[in-house]
């Protein structure tokens, strides 16, 4: 019966827009067995993907509110379901595995065993998650490098996103935490994964293992990540009531690794820009190629450097450390731009349609 519960939950997660593919080895079931007890898996199956209050869930399931809220809060703290503040109310939902349940496994919940299982599963998950349009996440460019005569849309300006939001928290990067458990920890800052919300006091009820920070502190974190050469990315939508701003390194980030190692074309949308090197200004120092570019898009030819537009994701991290200011972000042609969904509802509906669900 216990195995049946995990198989049912795996199937339910695979029916969400993101996907949760089955494997011959059953590694996805072993992951769920590590995260959920049978009773918790049974409760997760009763959750809807649309957010509901505890009162609404209690009424729907015919269960006492006080007891049910205790269960929901416990599962939310364990990262087994999603929770957020929406329109002033705390709501709960069945979260996708990625981006969702796995990223919620913080502190002692992320063990070496779980990290090893995730690494075993990542090639299969990448193909499902990044195998269908629209893209799961998108790059937010470093605005400093964008040509002055180009219009920067609000959703592609990380500082404008933060200035518009009302609540913020910072957590450890789950990817660097995982790689640290596997003995592959890089030197980049660990605690710079940002969450934001358009709700006041969004993290008062559930802070989990994050630190609530001010708008000014969030902007400082962005400044520091750009100096480190980390890539900003978020949901691939124009409008969101809240979300995340990951600041990713190519050595640990599951998104960048899925794109590079497992050839998952729809895992990460490029920004609307592409890096361009002015050959007359370039001093051929190699900093952009050797130290900054996360996707090996800078190519050396006869001691000169150029950017491969097919590889470039338009992050702009190469721009801000170029000593001769020879690099800038130029607009891609409209036909070369990745599509951005209006909101998460539109995004999810298109994913389900493309997947034939």
Protein backbone atom coordinates (compact mmCIF):
# COMPACT_ATOMS: atom_id res chain seq x y z
CA UNK A 1 0.00 0.00 0.00
CA UNK A 2 2.83 2.40 0.87
CA UNK A 3 4.44 1.92 -2.55
CA UNK A 4 1.07 2.53 -4.20
CA UNK A 5 0.77 5.86 -2.37
CA UNK A 6 4.13 7.05 -3.70
CA UNK A 7 3.29 5.90 -7.22
CA UNK A 8 0.01 7.80 -7.06
CA UNK A 9 1.76 10.93 -5.80
CA UNK A 10 4.41 10.65 -8.52
CA UNK A 11 1.67 10.40 -11.13
CA UNK A 12 -0.11 13.42 -9.66
CA UNK A 13 3.09 15.48 -9.72
CA UNK A 14 3.68 14.47 -13.32
CA UNK A 15 0.24 15.83 -14.19
CA UNK A 16 1.33 19.32 -13.10
CA UNK A 17 2.70 21.61 -15.84
CA UNK A 18 6.32 21.10 -14.76
CA UNK A 19 6.27 17.30 -14.88
CA UNK A 20 7.76 14.53 -12.76
CA UNK A 21 8.80 11.70 -15.10
CA UNK A 22 8.83 8.02 -14.24
CA UNK A 23 12.07 6.06 -14.61
CA UNK A 24 12.92 2.39 -14.96
CA UNK A 25 14.98 2.53 -11.79
CA UNK A 26 12.18 4.11 -9.77
CA UNK A 27 14.51 6.78 -8.39
CA UNK A 28 11.63 9.27 -8.37
CA UNK A 29 9.73 7.02 -5.94
CA UNK A 30 12.77 6.74 -3.68
CA UNK A 31 12.97 10.53 -3.64
CA UNK A 32 9.34 10.80 -2.56
CA UNK A 33 9.87 8.12 0.11
CA UNK A 34 12.74 10.22 1.47
CA UNK A 35 10.65 13.40 1.61
CA UNK A 36 7.20 12.07 2.61
CA UNK A 37 5.91 9.53 5.09
CA UNK A 38 3.02 7.43 3.69
CA UNK A 39 0.54 9.51 5.69
CA UNK A 40 2.05 12.76 4.40
CA UNK A 41 2.00 11.48 0.81
CA UNK A 42 -1.67 10.62 1.25
CA UNK A 43 -2.38 14.15 2.46
CA UNK A 44 -0.41 15.67 -0.42
CA UNK A 45 -2.65 13.76 -2.83
CA UNK A 46 -5.64 15.57 -1.34
CA UNK A 47 -4.14 18.98 -2.08
CA UNK A 48 -5.05 21.02 -5.14
CA UNK A 49 -2.56 22.92 -7.26
CA UNK A 50 -4.72 26.04 -6.97
CA UNK A 51 -4.14 27.85 -3.66
CA UNK A 52 -6.71 27.30 -0.90
CA UNK A 53 -7.02 28.56 2.67
CA UNK A 54 -6.99 26.09 5.55
CA UNK A 55 -10.69 26.84 6.04
CA UNK A 56 -11.47 25.96 2.42
CA UNK A 57 -9.48 22.72 2.57
CA UNK A 58 -11.09 21.72 5.89
CA UNK A 59 -14.56 22.28 4.44
CA UNK A 60 -13.72 20.40 1.24
CA UNK A 61 -12.28 17.40 3.11
CA UNK A 62 -14.79 17.48 5.98
CA UNK A 63 -12.04 17.68 8.60
CA UNK A 64 -11.71 19.77 11.79
CA UNK A 65 -10.03 23.07 11.00
CA UNK A 66 -7.64 23.24 13.97
CA UNK A 67 -6.27 19.74 13.40
CA UNK A 68 -6.00 20.21 9.66
CA UNK A 69 -4.19 23.54 9.97
CA UNK A 70 -1.62 21.85 12.22
CA UNK A 71 -1.04 19.19 9.55
CA UNK A 72 -0.80 21.76 6.76
CA UNK A 73 1.62 23.94 8.68
CA UNK A 74 3.81 20.95 9.54
CA UNK A 75 3.92 19.81 5.90
CA UNK A 76 4.66 23.35 4.73
CA UNK A 77 7.57 23.60 7.19
CA UNK A 78 8.90 20.32 5.80
CA UNK A 79 8.63 21.66 2.26
CA UNK A 80 6.12 19.00 1.23
CA UNK A 81 3.49 21.49 0.07
CA UNK A 82 3.59 25.12 -0.93
CA UNK A 83 2.28 28.02 1.12
CA UNK A 84 2.14 31.75 0.55
CA UNK A 85 0.26 34.85 1.58
CA UNK A 86 -2.20 35.96 -1.09
CA UNK A 87 -4.73 38.77 -0.80
CA UNK A 88 -3.97 38.93 2.92
CA UNK A 89 -4.71 35.22 3.50
CA UNK A 90 -2.34 32.30 4.08
CA UNK A 91 -2.99 29.70 1.38
CA UNK A 92 -1.70 26.20 0.69
CA UNK A 93 -1.27 24.18 -2.48
CA UNK A 94 0.26 21.10 -4.04
CA UNK A 95 3.62 22.31 -5.31
CA UNK A 96 5.48 20.89 -8.32
CA UNK A 97 8.63 18.93 -7.59
CA UNK A 98 10.80 21.53 -9.39
CA UNK A 99 10.63 24.47 -9.01
CA UNK A 100 8.97 23.66 -5.69
CA UNK A 101 9.26 20.69 -3.35
CA UNK A 102 12.93 20.05 -3.94
CA UNK A 103 13.87 23.70 -3.41
CA UNK A 104 11.81 23.68 -0.19
CA UNK A 105 14.07 20.98 1.34
CA UNK A 106 16.16 23.26 3.50
CA UNK A 107 18.44 22.77 6.49
CA UNK A 108 18.37 19.21 7.83
CA UNK A 109 15.78 18.14 5.23
CA UNK A 110 18.41 18.23 2.49
CA UNK A 111 20.57 15.22 3.31
CA UNK A 112 23.42 13.64 1.38
CA UNK A 113 21.10 10.74 0.53
CA UNK A 114 18.52 13.07 -1.00
CA UNK A 115 21.23 14.99 -2.87
CA UNK A 116 22.54 11.75 -4.36
CA UNK A 117 19.05 10.66 -5.40
CA UNK A 118 18.42 14.04 -7.00
CA UNK A 119 21.64 13.84 -8.99
CA UNK A 120 20.63 10.40 -10.23
CA UNK A 121 17.24 11.77 -11.27
CA UNK A 122 18.42 15.09 -12.76
CA UNK A 123 19.08 13.84 -16.34
CA UNK A 124 15.53 12.44 -16.59
CA UNK A 125 13.94 15.42 -14.85
CA UNK A 126 15.83 17.86 -17.06
CA UNK A 127 14.52 16.28 -20.23
CA UNK A 128 10.92 16.49 -19.00
CA UNK A 129 11.16 19.87 -17.34
CA UNK A 130 13.18 21.44 -20.14
CA UNK A 131 11.70 19.47 -23.01
CA UNK A 132 8.49 21.43 -23.48
CA UNK A 133 7.74 25.08 -24.12
CA UNK A 134 7.28 27.58 -22.65
CA UNK A 135 10.62 27.85 -20.85
CA UNK A 136 10.51 27.16 -17.11
CA UNK A 137 12.59 30.14 -16.02
CA UNK A 138 14.19 33.12 -17.74
CA UNK A 139 17.37 35.14 -17.47
CA UNK A 140 17.16 38.67 -16.09
CA UNK A 141 20.03 40.68 -17.62
CA UNK A 142 22.45 42.93 -15.82
CA UNK A 143 20.90 46.25 -16.78
CA UNK A 144 24.19 48.14 -16.65
CA UNK A 145 25.35 46.48 -19.83
CA UNK A 146 22.29 47.17 -21.99
CA UNK A 147 22.78 49.71 -24.78
CA UNK A 148 21.55 53.12 -23.66
CA UNK A 149 19.13 53.54 -26.57
CA UNK A 150 17.22 50.33 -25.82
CA UNK A 151 14.03 50.15 -23.78
CA UNK A 152 14.25 47.94 -20.68
CA UNK A 153 10.92 46.36 -19.79
CA UNK A 154 10.02 46.25 -16.11
CA UNK A 155 9.94 42.45 -15.91
CA UNK A 156 13.51 42.24 -17.27
CA UNK A 157 14.92 44.75 -14.78
CA UNK A 158 15.75 42.98 -11.53
CA UNK A 159 15.92 46.22 -9.55
CA UNK A 160 12.50 47.33 -10.75
CA UNK A 161 11.05 43.96 -9.72
CA UNK A 162 12.47 44.43 -6.23
CA UNK A 163 11.40 48.07 -5.96
CA UNK A 164 7.83 47.07 -6.84
CA UNK A 165 7.69 44.23 -4.28
CA UNK A 166 6.83 44.67 -0.59
CA UNK A 167 8.35 41.68 1.23
CA UNK A 168 11.69 39.91 0.88
CA UNK A 169 13.67 37.06 2.34
CA UNK A 170 17.02 35.50 1.55
CA UNK A 171 17.90 31.81 1.82
CA UNK A 172 20.79 29.52 1.06
CA UNK A 173 21.13 28.50 -2.58
CA UNK A 174 19.75 24.95 -2.68
CA UNK A 175 22.08 24.00 -5.55
CA UNK A 176 25.24 25.06 -3.69
CA UNK A 177 23.97 23.34 -0.56
CA UNK A 178 23.43 20.14 -2.52
CA UNK A 179 26.82 20.26 -4.22
CA UNK A 180 28.44 20.92 -0.85
CA UNK A 181 26.93 17.68 0.49
CA UNK A 182 28.38 15.88 -2.52
CA UNK A 183 31.85 17.37 -1.99
CA UNK A 184 31.63 19.78 -4.94
CA UNK A 185 31.00 23.09 -3.16
CA UNK A 186 32.13 26.12 -5.14
CA UNK A 187 33.43 29.37 -3.67
CA UNK A 188 30.41 31.52 -4.50
CA UNK A 189 28.32 33.06 -1.72
CA UNK A 190 25.83 30.56 -0.31
CA UNK A 191 23.11 32.81 1.08
CA UNK A 192 21.81 34.86 -1.82
CA UNK A 193 18.68 33.11 -3.06
CA UNK A 194 16.00 35.82 -2.91
CA UNK A 195 12.25 35.46 -2.56
CA UNK A 196 9.89 38.38 -2.98
CA UNK A 197 6.17 39.07 -2.62
CA UNK A 198 3.80 41.88 -3.51
CA UNK A 199 2.09 41.28 -0.12
CA UNK A 200 2.98 43.20 3.02
CA UNK A 201 4.35 40.92 5.74
CA UNK A 202 4.35 37.95 3.39
CA UNK A 203 6.82 35.97 5.49
CA UNK A 204 5.48 36.79 8.96
CA UNK A 205 3.60 33.48 9.27
CA UNK A 206 6.07 31.24 7.43
CA UNK A 207 9.69 32.26 7.35
CA UNK A 208 11.07 28.69 7.20
CA UNK A 209 14.87 28.91 7.23
CA UNK A 210 15.16 32.28 5.50
CA UNK A 211 15.99 35.70 6.84
CA UNK A 212 13.51 38.49 6.22
CA UNK A 213 15.37 41.42 4.68
CA UNK A 214 14.50 44.97 3.68
CA UNK A 215 14.15 46.26 0.14
CA UNK A 216 17.51 48.00 0.51
CA UNK A 217 19.19 44.79 1.70
CA UNK A 218 17.69 42.88 -1.23
CA UNK A 219 19.12 45.43 -3.66
CA UNK A 220 22.52 45.13 -1.98
CA UNK A 221 22.40 41.36 -2.45
CA UNK A 222 21.72 41.91 -6.17
CA UNK A 223 24.72 44.25 -6.41
CA UNK A 224 26.96 41.68 -4.74
CA UNK A 225 25.81 38.80 -6.92
CA UNK A 226 26.54 40.78 -10.07
CA UNK A 227 30.08 41.44 -8.85
CA UNK A 228 30.46 37.68 -8.36
CA UNK A 229 29.32 37.01 -11.91
CA UNK A 230 26.14 35.18 -10.93
CA UNK A 231 23.18 34.93 -13.31
CA UNK A 232 19.78 36.32 -12.26
CA UNK A 233 16.79 34.20 -13.20
CA UNK A 234 13.14 33.92 -12.21
CA UNK A 235 9.79 32.54 -13.40
CA UNK A 236 9.34 32.90 -17.15
CA UNK A 237 6.41 35.31 -16.81
CA UNK A 238 5.83 39.04 -17.09
CA UNK A 239 3.62 39.36 -14.01
CA UNK A 240 3.81 37.52 -10.68
CA UNK A 241 2.40 38.19 -7.22
CA UNK A 242 5.65 36.84 -5.86
CA UNK A 243 8.45 34.51 -6.69
CA UNK A 244 12.17 33.99 -6.57
CA UNK A 245 15.29 35.60 -7.94
CA UNK A 246 17.95 32.93 -8.16
CA UNK A 247 21.54 34.06 -8.56
CA UNK A 248 23.18 31.15 -10.27
CA UNK A 249 26.67 29.83 -10.92
CA UNK A 250 27.35 27.41 -13.76
CA UNK A 251 29.22 25.02 -11.46
CA UNK A 252 26.26 24.23 -9.18
CA UNK A 253 23.02 25.56 -10.67
CA UNK A 254 20.63 22.82 -11.73
CA UNK A 255 19.11 25.06 -14.43
CA UNK A 256 22.41 25.96 -16.09
CA UNK A 257 23.66 22.40 -15.75
CA UNK A 258 20.46 21.03 -17.30
CA UNK A 259 20.91 23.36 -20.25
CA UNK A 260 24.61 22.61 -20.75
CA UNK A 261 24.97 18.98 -19.70
CA UNK A 262 21.58 17.51 -20.55
CA UNK A 263 20.63 19.70 -23.53
CA UNK A 264 17.25 20.73 -22.10
CA UNK A 265 16.17 23.49 -24.53
CA UNK A 266 13.26 24.91 -22.55
CA UNK A 267 14.78 24.95 -19.09
CA UNK A 268 15.98 28.58 -19.19
CA UNK A 269 14.85 31.34 -21.56
CA UNK A 270 17.50 33.74 -22.77
CA UNK A 271 17.01 37.43 -22.12
CA UNK A 272 16.03 39.69 -25.03
CA UNK A 273 19.67 40.67 -25.38
CA UNK A 274 22.94 39.24 -26.64
CA UNK A 275 26.46 40.24 -25.66
CA UNK A 276 28.52 41.92 -28.38
CA UNK A 277 32.27 42.58 -28.22
CA UNK A 278 33.69 45.62 -29.98
CA UNK A 279 36.85 44.30 -31.62
CA UNK A 280 38.39 47.77 -31.77
CA UNK A 281 38.07 48.29 -28.00
CA UNK A 282 38.80 44.73 -26.82
CA UNK A 283 42.27 44.26 -25.30
CA UNK A 284 42.03 40.44 -25.47
CA UNK A 285 42.47 39.98 -21.72
CA UNK A 286 40.23 36.90 -21.71
CA UNK A 287 38.35 37.83 -18.53
CA UNK A 288 34.97 37.43 -20.20
CA UNK A 289 35.79 33.97 -21.49
CA UNK A 290 37.86 32.59 -18.64
CA UNK A 291 36.17 34.09 -15.58
CA UNK A 292 32.70 35.37 -16.36
CA UNK A 293 30.70 33.63 -19.09
CA UNK A 294 28.61 30.81 -17.54
CA UNK A 295 27.74 29.11 -20.84
CA UNK A 296 31.04 29.17 -22.78
CA UNK A 297 29.64 31.66 -25.29
CA UNK A 298 32.87 33.68 -25.71
CA UNK A 299 35.12 32.30 -28.42
CA UNK A 300 38.77 33.16 -29.11
CA UNK A 301 39.86 33.31 -32.73
CA UNK A 302 43.35 34.51 -33.73
CA UNK A 303 43.74 36.26 -30.35
CA UNK A 304 40.46 38.08 -30.89
CA UNK A 305 37.25 37.43 -28.97
CA UNK A 306 33.67 37.20 -30.16
CA UNK A 307 30.37 36.00 -28.69
CA UNK A 308 28.39 33.10 -30.11
CA UNK A 309 24.80 34.41 -30.19
CA UNK A 310 23.44 30.85 -30.17
CA UNK A 311 25.15 30.11 -26.85
CA UNK A 312 24.82 33.52 -25.19
CA UNK A 313 21.94 33.74 -22.71
CA UNK A 314 22.10 37.54 -22.45
CA UNK A 315 22.89 37.65 -18.74
CA UNK A 316 25.43 40.47 -19.06
CA UNK A 317 27.79 39.29 -16.34
CA UNK A 318 30.65 39.64 -18.82
CA UNK A 319 29.93 43.35 -19.30
CA UNK A 320 30.54 44.75 -15.85
CA UNK A 321 34.13 43.48 -15.46
CA UNK A 322 35.40 44.22 -18.97
CA UNK A 323 38.43 46.50 -18.32
CA UNK A 324 38.13 48.23 -21.69
CA UNK A 325 34.32 48.47 -21.67
CA UNK A 326 34.31 46.64 -24.99
CA UNK A 327 31.19 44.57 -24.31
CA UNK A 328 27.56 45.62 -24.31
CA UNK A 329 24.17 43.94 -24.53
CA UNK A 330 22.41 44.50 -27.86
CA UNK A 331 18.81 43.60 -28.67
CA UNK A 332 18.16 40.25 -30.30
CA UNK A 333 16.02 40.22 -33.40
CA UNK A 334 12.36 39.56 -32.61
CA UNK A 335 12.51 36.13 -34.26
CA UNK A 336 15.44 35.19 -32.02
CA UNK A 337 13.71 36.11 -28.74
CA UNK A 338 12.33 33.46 -26.39
CA UNK A 339 8.66 33.83 -25.48
CA UNK A 340 7.67 35.10 -22.02
CA UNK A 341 4.23 34.11 -20.69
CA UNK A 342 1.90 36.77 -19.30
CA UNK A 343 1.50 35.08 -15.90
CA UNK A 344 1.81 31.68 -14.23
CA UNK A 345 -1.74 30.68 -15.14
CA UNK A 346 -1.09 31.26 -18.84
CA UNK A 347 2.30 29.57 -18.52
CA UNK A 348 0.80 26.47 -16.88
CA UNK A 349 -2.03 26.18 -19.38
CA UNK A 350 0.35 26.31 -22.34
CA UNK A 351 2.67 23.73 -20.77
CA UNK A 352 -0.23 21.33 -20.22
CA UNK A 353 -1.47 21.84 -23.77
CA UNK A 354 1.96 21.24 -25.27
CA UNK A 355 2.36 18.11 -23.14
CA UNK A 356 -1.04 16.87 -24.28
CA UNK A 357 -2.59 16.90 -20.81
